[in-house]
Protein backbone atom coordinates (compact mmCIF):
# COMPACT_ATOMS: atom_id res chain seq x y z
CA MET A 1 36.49 -6.33 13.67
CA SER A 2 34.16 -6.93 16.58
CA GLN A 3 31.37 -9.36 15.87
CA ASP A 4 28.95 -6.82 17.38
CA ILE A 5 29.25 -5.26 13.93
CA CYS A 6 28.03 -6.84 10.71
CA SER A 7 31.03 -6.62 8.39
CA ILE A 8 28.74 -6.55 5.34
CA CYS A 9 26.66 -3.47 6.16
CA LEU A 10 28.94 -2.16 8.96
CA ASP A 11 25.93 -1.67 11.22
CA ASN A 12 25.43 -2.98 14.74
CA ILE A 13 24.12 -6.48 15.32
CA LYS A 14 21.40 -6.12 17.93
CA LEU A 15 19.54 -8.72 19.96
CA GLU A 16 16.31 -8.13 18.06
CA HIS A 17 17.99 -8.75 14.69
CA THR A 18 17.77 -12.07 12.89
CA ILE A 19 21.34 -13.23 12.44
CA LYS A 20 23.16 -15.85 10.44
CA ILE A 21 26.14 -17.65 11.92
CA LEU A 22 28.24 -19.19 9.17
CA SER A 23 30.04 -22.50 9.50
CA CYS A 24 33.24 -20.54 10.23
CA ASN A 25 31.40 -19.03 13.25
CA HIS A 26 31.35 -15.46 11.91
CA LYS A 27 27.94 -13.84 12.19
CA PHE A 28 26.04 -11.31 10.13
CA HIS A 29 22.57 -9.88 9.75
CA PHE A 30 20.48 -12.52 8.02
CA ASN A 31 19.31 -9.98 5.43
CA CYS A 32 22.93 -9.17 4.63
CA PHE A 33 23.69 -12.88 4.31
CA LYS A 34 20.66 -13.23 2.03
CA LYS A 35 22.12 -10.64 -0.36
CA LEU A 36 25.26 -12.75 -0.59
CA VAL A 37 23.11 -15.78 -1.38
CA TYR A 38 21.31 -13.85 -4.11
CA LYS A 39 24.64 -12.81 -5.61
CA ASN A 40 26.20 -16.27 -5.28
CA HIS A 41 22.96 -18.09 -6.26
CA ASN A 42 23.29 -20.50 -3.34
CA PHE A 43 24.08 -20.82 0.37
CA PHE A 44 27.71 -21.80 -0.17
CA VAL A 45 29.02 -18.26 -0.05
CA ASN A 46 32.53 -17.28 0.98
CA CYS A 47 32.64 -15.59 4.36
CA PRO A 48 33.37 -11.86 3.91
CA LEU A 49 35.81 -12.02 6.82
CA CYS A 50 37.82 -15.24 6.50
CA ARG A 51 36.81 -16.23 2.91
CA LYS A 52 36.02 -19.79 3.97
CA MET A 53 33.06 -21.37 2.21
CA ASN A 54 29.92 -21.50 4.30
CA THR A 55 28.45 -24.97 4.75
CA ASP A 56 25.75 -24.09 7.27
CA ILE A 57 22.37 -24.20 5.52
CA SER A 58 20.20 -24.23 8.64
CA LYS A 59 16.98 -22.23 8.63
CA PRO A 60 16.69 -19.14 10.87
CA PHE A 61 13.24 -19.89 12.35
CA ASN A 62 11.09 -22.74 13.60
CA ASP A 63 8.19 -21.22 11.67
CA HIS A 64 7.98 -22.50 8.06
CA LYS A 65 6.35 -19.38 6.63
CA LYS A 66 8.99 -17.19 8.23
CA ASN A 67 11.71 -19.35 6.71
CA ILE A 68 10.24 -18.81 3.25
CA LEU A 69 9.87 -15.08 3.85
CA ALA A 70 13.43 -14.92 5.16
CA MET A 71 14.75 -15.82 1.71
CA CYS A 72 12.37 -13.48 -0.15
CA HIS A 73 12.65 -9.75 -0.69
CA GLY A 74 11.56 -7.83 2.40
CA GLY A 75 8.51 -6.38 0.68
CA VAL A 76 6.86 -9.77 0.09
CA GLY A 77 3.57 -9.95 1.97
CA ASN A 78 3.87 -6.31 3.04
CA ILE A 79 3.61 -4.27 -0.14
CA ARG A 80 0.42 -3.76 -2.12
CA CYS A 81 -0.61 -5.95 -5.03
CA VAL A 82 1.08 -4.92 -8.29
CA CYS A 83 -2.18 -5.13 -10.27
CA GLU A 84 -4.74 -2.48 -11.09
CA THR A 85 -8.47 -2.48 -10.38
CA LYS A 86 -11.10 -2.22 -13.12
CA SER A 87 -11.13 1.53 -12.55
CA GLY A 88 -7.39 1.69 -13.31
CA LEU A 89 -6.27 2.34 -9.74
CA ARG A 90 -3.55 0.39 -7.92
CA CYS A 91 -5.02 -2.56 -6.02
CA LYS A 92 -5.09 -1.90 -2.27
CA ASN A 93 -4.83 -5.54 -1.22
CA LYS A 94 -1.52 -6.88 0.06
CA SER A 95 0.52 -9.22 -2.08
CA ILE A 96 0.61 -12.89 -1.10
CA LEU A 97 3.67 -15.05 -0.48
CA MET A 98 5.17 -16.45 -3.74
CA ASN A 99 2.26 -15.11 -5.79
CA TYR A 100 4.04 -12.88 -8.33
CA GLY A 101 3.50 -9.75 -6.24
CA LYS A 102 -0.25 -10.19 -6.55
CA CYS A 103 -3.14 -10.57 -4.11
CA TYR A 104 -5.56 -13.51 -4.08
CA THR A 105 -8.10 -11.57 -6.16
CA HIS A 106 -5.65 -11.18 -9.05
CA SER A 107 -3.94 -14.57 -8.81
CA LYS A 108 -5.77 -17.43 -7.11
CA ASN A 109 -3.17 -20.17 -7.61
CA THR A 110 -1.82 -19.57 -4.11
CA MET A 111 -0.01 -21.82 -1.68
CA LYS A 112 -2.02 -22.87 1.38
CA SER A 113 -0.39 -22.69 4.78
CA GLU A 114 -0.29 -26.49 5.16
CA TYR A 115 2.24 -26.55 2.28
CA TYR A 116 4.66 -24.10 3.90
CA GLU A 117 6.85 -26.79 5.45
CA LEU A 118 7.22 -28.66 2.16
CA TYR A 119 7.90 -25.51 0.18
CA SER A 120 10.36 -24.21 2.74
CA ASN A 121 12.35 -27.44 2.48
CA TYR A 122 12.18 -27.31 -1.32
CA MET A 123 13.27 -23.67 -1.46
CA TYR A 124 16.30 -24.32 0.75
CA HIS A 125 17.13 -27.35 -1.39
CA VAL A 126 17.05 -25.27 -4.59
CA LEU A 127 19.30 -22.68 -2.97
CA CYS A 128 21.91 -25.39 -2.44
CA THR A 129 22.31 -25.92 -6.20
CA ASN A 130 24.74 -24.12 -8.49
CA TYR A 131 22.25 -23.09 -11.18
CA ASP A 132 22.03 -19.63 -12.70
CA TRP A 133 19.47 -17.24 -11.21
CA LEU A 134 16.99 -17.66 -14.07
CA SER A 135 16.90 -21.43 -13.51
CA ILE A 136 16.48 -20.95 -9.77
CA ILE A 137 13.50 -18.63 -10.24
CA TYR A 138 11.95 -21.10 -12.68
CA LEU A 139 12.51 -23.97 -10.22
CA LEU A 140 10.94 -22.04 -7.33
CA ASP A 141 7.84 -21.26 -9.37
CA VAL A 142 7.49 -24.67 -11.04
CA GLY A 143 8.02 -26.44 -7.72
CA LYS A 144 5.29 -24.39 -6.10
CA GLN A 145 2.82 -25.17 -8.89
CA LEU A 146 3.69 -28.88 -9.00
CA MET A 147 3.23 -29.05 -5.24
CA ILE A 148 -0.20 -27.41 -5.41
CA LYS A 149 -1.42 -29.47 -8.37
CA TYR A 150 -0.03 -32.95 -7.70
CA LEU A 151 1.14 -33.27 -4.11
CA ASN A 152 -0.22 -33.12 -0.59
CA PRO A 153 1.23 -31.50 2.56
CA GLU A 154 2.67 -34.86 3.68
CA SER A 155 4.82 -35.11 0.54
CA ASN A 156 8.54 -34.40 0.63
CA VAL A 157 11.10 -32.67 -1.56
CA THR A 158 11.93 -35.86 -3.47
CA ASP A 159 8.32 -35.97 -4.66
CA ILE A 160 8.71 -32.55 -6.26
CA LEU A 161 12.06 -33.54 -7.73
CA PHE A 162 10.48 -36.64 -9.27
CA TYR A 163 8.29 -34.46 -11.51
CA LEU A 164 11.23 -32.25 -12.45
CA TYR A 165 13.52 -35.18 -13.30
CA ARG A 166 10.76 -36.99 -15.14
CA TYR A 167 10.37 -33.97 -17.41
CA LEU A 168 14.10 -33.44 -17.89
CA ASN A 169 14.56 -37.09 -18.87
CA ASP A 170 11.69 -37.27 -21.36
CA LYS A 171 13.87 -37.50 -24.48
CA ASP A 172 10.93 -37.81 -26.87
CA TYR A 173 9.42 -34.57 -25.62
CA ARG A 174 12.79 -32.81 -25.77
CA LYS A 175 13.23 -33.95 -29.36
CA LYS A 176 9.75 -32.69 -30.20
CA ILE A 177 10.55 -29.26 -28.74
CA GLN A 178 13.86 -29.14 -30.60
CA ASN A 179 12.15 -29.92 -33.90
CA GLN A 180 9.51 -27.25 -33.32
CA ASN A 181 12.01 -24.56 -32.33
CA PRO A 182 15.09 -23.91 -34.50
CA ASN A 183 16.46 -21.56 -31.83
CA TYR A 184 16.10 -24.17 -29.09
CA SER A 185 17.96 -23.55 -25.84
CA ASN A 186 17.98 -25.07 -22.36
CA THR A 187 16.16 -21.98 -21.08
CA HIS A 188 13.43 -22.53 -23.67
CA TYR A 189 13.14 -26.17 -22.64
CA MET A 190 12.80 -25.22 -18.98
CA ASN A 191 9.98 -22.86 -19.92
CA CYS A 192 8.16 -25.72 -21.71
CA ILE A 193 7.64 -27.59 -18.43
CA TYR A 194 4.57 -25.40 -17.89
CA GLU A 195 2.94 -26.87 -20.98
CA TYR A 196 4.14 -30.38 -20.15
CA TYR A 197 2.36 -30.42 -16.79
CA GLU A 198 -0.40 -27.95 -17.76
CA LEU A 199 0.76 -25.34 -15.27
CA ASN A 200 0.06 -21.62 -15.36
CA LYS A 201 2.71 -19.81 -17.37
CA VAL A 202 4.98 -17.67 -15.24
CA PRO A 203 4.24 -13.92 -15.67
CA LYS A 204 7.07 -12.43 -17.73
CA SER A 205 6.99 -9.18 -15.77
CA TRP A 206 7.57 -11.09 -12.50
CA LEU A 207 10.26 -13.29 -14.03
CA ASN A 208 12.12 -10.33 -15.54
CA TYR A 209 11.90 -8.35 -12.30
CA CYS A 210 13.36 -11.22 -10.26
CA ILE A 211 16.16 -11.67 -12.80
CA ASN A 212 17.00 -8.00 -13.29
CA LYS A 213 16.95 -7.25 -9.53
CA ASN A 214 18.46 -10.63 -8.59
CA ILE A 215 15.85 -11.21 -5.90
CA ILE A 216 12.96 -13.52 -4.99
CA ILE A 217 9.51 -11.93 -4.69
């Protein structure tokens, strides 16, 4: 099949399209590649043409915000806020990047532009893991909040990982959670990191939507 055609969607690959060239040198629309990443839960997808594992994890843009948006659902930053006004009408403001589908008025714990580089690097790191999608969504949200609360724009991914590993290795806290919850599970423990670091609890509606649709919004 000619590489002027994306073998995933079977549509033409045009000059104005953002493309992804895999390590095997086959190319696809980036949005089509992204769907494979969502399904596979990481960048190491098998090429739809030759079935070789992709090892190219390069970002598509030189712009950090665009690199974050590239891995999010296409509606992020374009669709209206999911919340309602006091009068019961749908909010007319646009949703903000990695803000649960909400505008600044309805969720003020937003990421400033000076953090985009750090978060972009962290996001692409998380998408190199082999965790399940629920864990990935938790990690993306927790990492954002840890970054905003404890770090500065000059920090790096290892600084975010320090807080995650510190929590995961706190055996006394894990034991406490296990004793308090007879139905303890690893998912429950991951959720408790919000209390541990006094972060804002993730909205269940956003979490469930990301999990059920297998997307990032």
